[in-house]
N, C-alpha and C. Protein backbone atom coordinates (compact mmCIF):
# COMPACT_ATOMS: atom_id res chain seq x y z
N LYS A 1 0.56 -1.14 0.49
CA LYS A 1 0.15 -0.13 0.29
C LYS A 1 0.62 1.72 0.30
N ILE A 2 0.79 2.37 -0.94
CA ILE A 2 1.34 3.40 -0.62
C ILE A 2 -0.23 4.91 -1.16
N GLN A 3 0.61 5.38 0.14
CA GLN A 3 0.03 6.65 0.10
C GLN A 3 1.42 7.68 0.04
N TYR A 4 0.74 8.73 -1.08
CA TYR A 4 1.86 9.93 -0.63
C TYR A 4 0.81 11.28 -0.96
N THR A 5 1.13 12.45 -0.96
CA THR A 5 1.04 13.01 -1.89
C THR A 5 2.35 14.30 -1.86
N PRO A 6 1.39 14.44 -3.50
CA PRO A 6 2.69 14.78 -4.61
C PRO A 6 2.91 16.34 -4.33
N ASP A 7 4.40 16.64 -5.31
CA ASP A 7 4.22 17.98 -4.90
C ASP A 7 4.02 18.20 -6.77
N LYS A 8 5.16 18.39 -7.11
CA LYS A 8 4.98 18.26 -8.49
C LYS A 8 4.52 17.42 -9.64
N ASP A 9 5.21 16.40 -9.20
CA ASP A 9 5.27 14.72 -9.72
C ASP A 9 4.43 14.10 -9.57
N ILE A 10 4.17 13.11 -10.10
CA ILE A 10 3.01 11.45 -9.53
C ILE A 10 4.04 10.65 -10.47
N VAL A 11 3.10 9.20 -9.62
CA VAL A 11 3.89 8.17 -10.38
C VAL A 11 2.41 7.46 -11.28
N GLU A 12 3.52 6.95 -12.08
CA GLU A 12 1.82 6.17 -13.32
C GLU A 12 2.05 5.14 -12.77
N LEU A 13 0.58 3.69 -12.69
CA LEU A 13 0.75 3.63 -12.22
C LEU A 13 1.10 1.96 -12.61
N LYS A 14 0.80 2.11 -13.99
CA LYS A 14 1.35 1.05 -14.65
C LYS A 14 2.78 0.64 -14.44
N SER A 15 3.18 2.16 -14.51
CA SER A 15 4.95 1.74 -14.19
C SER A 15 4.80 1.13 -12.65
N LEU A 16 4.68 1.97 -11.73
CA LEU A 16 4.64 0.81 -10.64
C LEU A 16 4.42 0.14 -10.49
N LYS A 17 3.35 -0.65 -10.64
CA LYS A 17 3.00 -1.71 -11.04
C LYS A 17 4.39 -2.79 -11.64
N VAL A 18 5.03 -2.25 -12.61
CA VAL A 18 6.01 -3.04 -13.14
C VAL A 18 6.86 -3.18 -12.18
N TYR A 19 7.08 -1.95 -11.82
CA TYR A 19 8.13 -1.76 -11.08
C TYR A 19 8.35 -2.81 -9.62
N ILE A 20 7.00 -2.61 -9.24
CA ILE A 20 7.25 -3.87 -7.73
C ILE A 20 6.41 -4.96 -8.02
N VAL A 21 6.50 -4.99 -9.19
CA VAL A 21 6.21 -7.01 -9.44
C VAL A 21 7.70 -7.32 -10.38
N LYS A 22 9.03 -7.09 -10.08
CA LYS A 22 10.11 -6.92 -10.20
C LYS A 22 10.58 -7.75 -8.97
N PHE A 23 9.81 -7.40 -7.67
CA PHE A 23 10.72 -7.80 -6.64
C PHE A 23 9.81 -8.93 -5.64
N ARG A 24 9.22 -9.72 -6.81
CA ARG A 24 8.39 -10.58 -6.14
C ARG A 24 8.83 -12.09 -6.30
N ASN A 25 10.27 -11.92 -7.41
CA ASN A 25 11.43 -13.79 -7.25
C ASN A 25 13.02 -13.43 -6.34
N MET A 26 12.77 -12.28 -5.45
CA MET A 26 14.12 -11.25 -5.75
C MET A 26 14.50 -11.77 -4.39
N GLY A 27 15.27 -12.49 -3.82
CA GLY A 27 16.18 -12.95 -2.49
C GLY A 27 15.96 -11.46 -1.71
N ILE A 28 15.16 -11.00 -1.25
CA ILE A 28 14.96 -9.36 -0.61
C ILE A 28 14.27 -9.46 0.87
N PHE A 29 15.16 -8.90 2.98
CA PHE A 29 13.97 -9.49 3.19
C PHE A 29 13.08 -8.19 3.25
N HIS A 30 11.84 -8.71 3.41
CA HIS A 30 10.48 -7.91 3.36
C HIS A 30 11.05 -6.34 4.09
N GLU A 31 11.89 -5.76 5.72
CA GLU A 31 11.92 -4.85 5.76
C GLU A 31 12.28 -3.98 4.59
N HIS A 32 13.66 -4.98 4.79
CA HIS A 32 14.43 -3.79 3.28
C HIS A 32 14.05 -3.66 1.08
N VAL A 33 13.09 -4.23 1.15
CA VAL A 33 11.85 -4.35 -0.67
C VAL A 33 11.01 -3.02 0.50
N THR A 34 10.55 -2.99 1.14
CA THR A 34 9.63 -1.34 1.73
C THR A 34 10.61 -0.68 1.72
N ASN A 35 11.57 -0.25 2.79
CA ASN A 35 12.84 0.75 2.38
C ASN A 35 12.87 1.03 1.14
N LYS A 36 13.13 0.86 0.53
CA LYS A 36 14.00 0.44 -1.15
C LYS A 36 12.62 1.34 -2.26
N ILE A 37 11.44 0.86 -1.96
CA ILE A 37 10.35 1.26 -2.85
C ILE A 37 10.10 2.70 -2.20
N LEU A 38 10.33 2.95 -0.91
CA LEU A 38 10.13 4.10 -0.17
C LEU A 38 11.28 5.13 -0.75
N ASN A 39 12.79 4.59 -0.61
CA ASN A 39 13.30 5.96 -0.75
C ASN A 39 13.34 5.70 -2.44
N ASP A 40 13.32 4.58 -3.19
CA ASP A 40 13.32 4.82 -4.84
C ASP A 40 11.97 5.64 -4.86
N LEU A 41 10.45 5.94 -4.58
CA LEU A 41 10.09 7.15 -5.21
C LEU A 41 10.16 8.03 -4.82
N VAL A 42 11.01 8.43 -2.65
CA VAL A 42 10.97 9.86 -2.70
C VAL A 42 11.88 10.19 -3.68
N ARG A 43 13.17 9.35 -4.44
CA ARG A 43 14.68 10.05 -5.40
C ARG A 43 13.13 10.30 -6.69
N ALA A 44 12.20 9.46 -7.34
CA ALA A 44 11.77 9.73 -8.38
C ALA A 44 10.94 10.78 -8.95
N VAL A 45 10.24 10.74 -7.73
CA VAL A 45 8.72 11.99 -7.47
C VAL A 45 8.76 13.22 -6.36
N LYS A 46 9.93 12.99 -5.80
CA LYS A 46 9.95 13.64 -4.49
C LYS A 46 8.60 14.47 -4.16
N PRO A 47 7.63 13.62 -2.98
CA PRO A 47 7.00 14.05 -2.63
C PRO A 47 6.84 14.67 -1.61
N ARG A 48 5.50 15.79 -0.98
CA ARG A 48 5.67 16.13 -0.05
C ARG A 48 5.48 14.74 1.23
N LYS A 49 4.57 13.54 1.24
CA LYS A 49 4.94 13.36 2.09
C LYS A 49 4.50 11.66 1.80
N ILE A 50 5.26 10.90 2.20
CA ILE A 50 4.79 9.42 1.70
C ILE A 50 4.61 7.79 2.36
N ASN A 51 3.77 6.64 2.56
CA ASN A 51 3.89 5.98 3.11
C ASN A 51 3.55 5.02 2.92
N VAL A 52 4.53 3.96 3.47
CA VAL A 52 4.35 2.32 2.38
C VAL A 52 4.58 1.69 3.30
N VAL A 53 3.71 0.52 3.24
CA VAL A 53 3.13 -0.79 3.94
C VAL A 53 3.01 -1.59 3.21
N GLY A 54 4.07 -2.04 3.38
CA GLY A 54 4.56 -4.01 2.61
C GLY A 54 3.31 -5.08 3.55
N ASP A 55 2.46 -5.86 2.86
CA ASP A 55 1.85 -6.53 3.34
C ASP A 55 1.94 -7.54 2.88
N PHE A 56 3.51 -9.03 3.72
CA PHE A 56 3.27 -9.90 2.80
C PHE A 56 3.17 -10.90 3.17
N ARG A 57 2.69 -12.01 2.61
CA ARG A 57 2.47 -13.54 2.80
C ARG A 57 2.86 -14.59 2.51
N ALA A 58 4.55 -14.55 2.78
CA ALA A 58 5.30 -15.61 2.50
C ALA A 58 4.86 -16.85 2.74
N ARG A 59 5.46 -17.66 2.07
CA ARG A 59 5.18 -19.12 2.30
C ARG A 59 5.91 -19.92 3.72
N GLY A 60 5.21 -20.73 4.10
CA GLY A 60 4.76 -21.18 5.51
C GLY A 60 4.07 -19.93 6.36
N GLY A 61 3.62 -19.56 5.64
CA GLY A 61 1.98 -19.31 7.23
C GLY A 61 2.80 -18.19 7.67
N ILE A 62 3.62 -17.11 7.57
CA ILE A 62 4.20 -15.90 8.39
C ILE A 62 3.61 -14.99 7.71
N LYS A 63 2.83 -14.17 8.77
CA LYS A 63 2.47 -13.02 7.45
C LYS A 63 3.53 -11.49 8.38
N THR A 64 4.02 -10.93 7.69
CA THR A 64 5.00 -10.08 7.32
C THR A 64 3.40 -8.57 7.36
N SER A 65 3.90 -7.56 8.17
CA SER A 65 3.71 -6.23 8.06
C SER A 65 4.59 -5.06 8.34
N VAL A 66 4.81 -4.29 7.56
CA VAL A 66 6.58 -3.24 7.31
C VAL A 66 5.74 -1.62 6.59
N GLU A 67 6.54 -0.70 7.54
CA GLU A 67 5.64 0.49 7.50
C GLU A 67 6.63 0.99 7.68
N ALA A 68 6.91 2.51 6.89
CA ALA A 68 8.53 3.07 6.60
C ALA A 68 7.29 4.11 6.07
N LEU A 69 7.44 5.76 7.06
CA LEU A 69 7.46 6.99 6.48
C LEU A 69 8.22 7.97 6.01
N TRP A 70 7.62 9.03 4.65
CA TRP A 70 8.70 9.58 4.71
C TRP A 70 8.07 10.80 5.07
N GLU A 71 8.72 12.21 5.03
CA GLU A 71 8.02 13.49 5.19
C GLU A 71 8.62 14.63 5.15
N LYS A 72 8.35 15.83 3.99
CA LYS A 72 9.40 17.04 4.12
C LYS A 72 9.65 17.58 5.61
């Protein structure tokens, strides 16, 4: 889940989908991928405020939710 208050630029939905899907088969920790998405979006669109929540349902029955917030 990504919520942000844009400044001058916004993210195209299809581009965002393609970007996020690349993490599907990558061996990366949930916390790391959530922070990476946050940092990449901050660099790309320079929002006023952004909140990224990674809601993961990994194999093995363990559910994880990670939240990262950035504000100017």
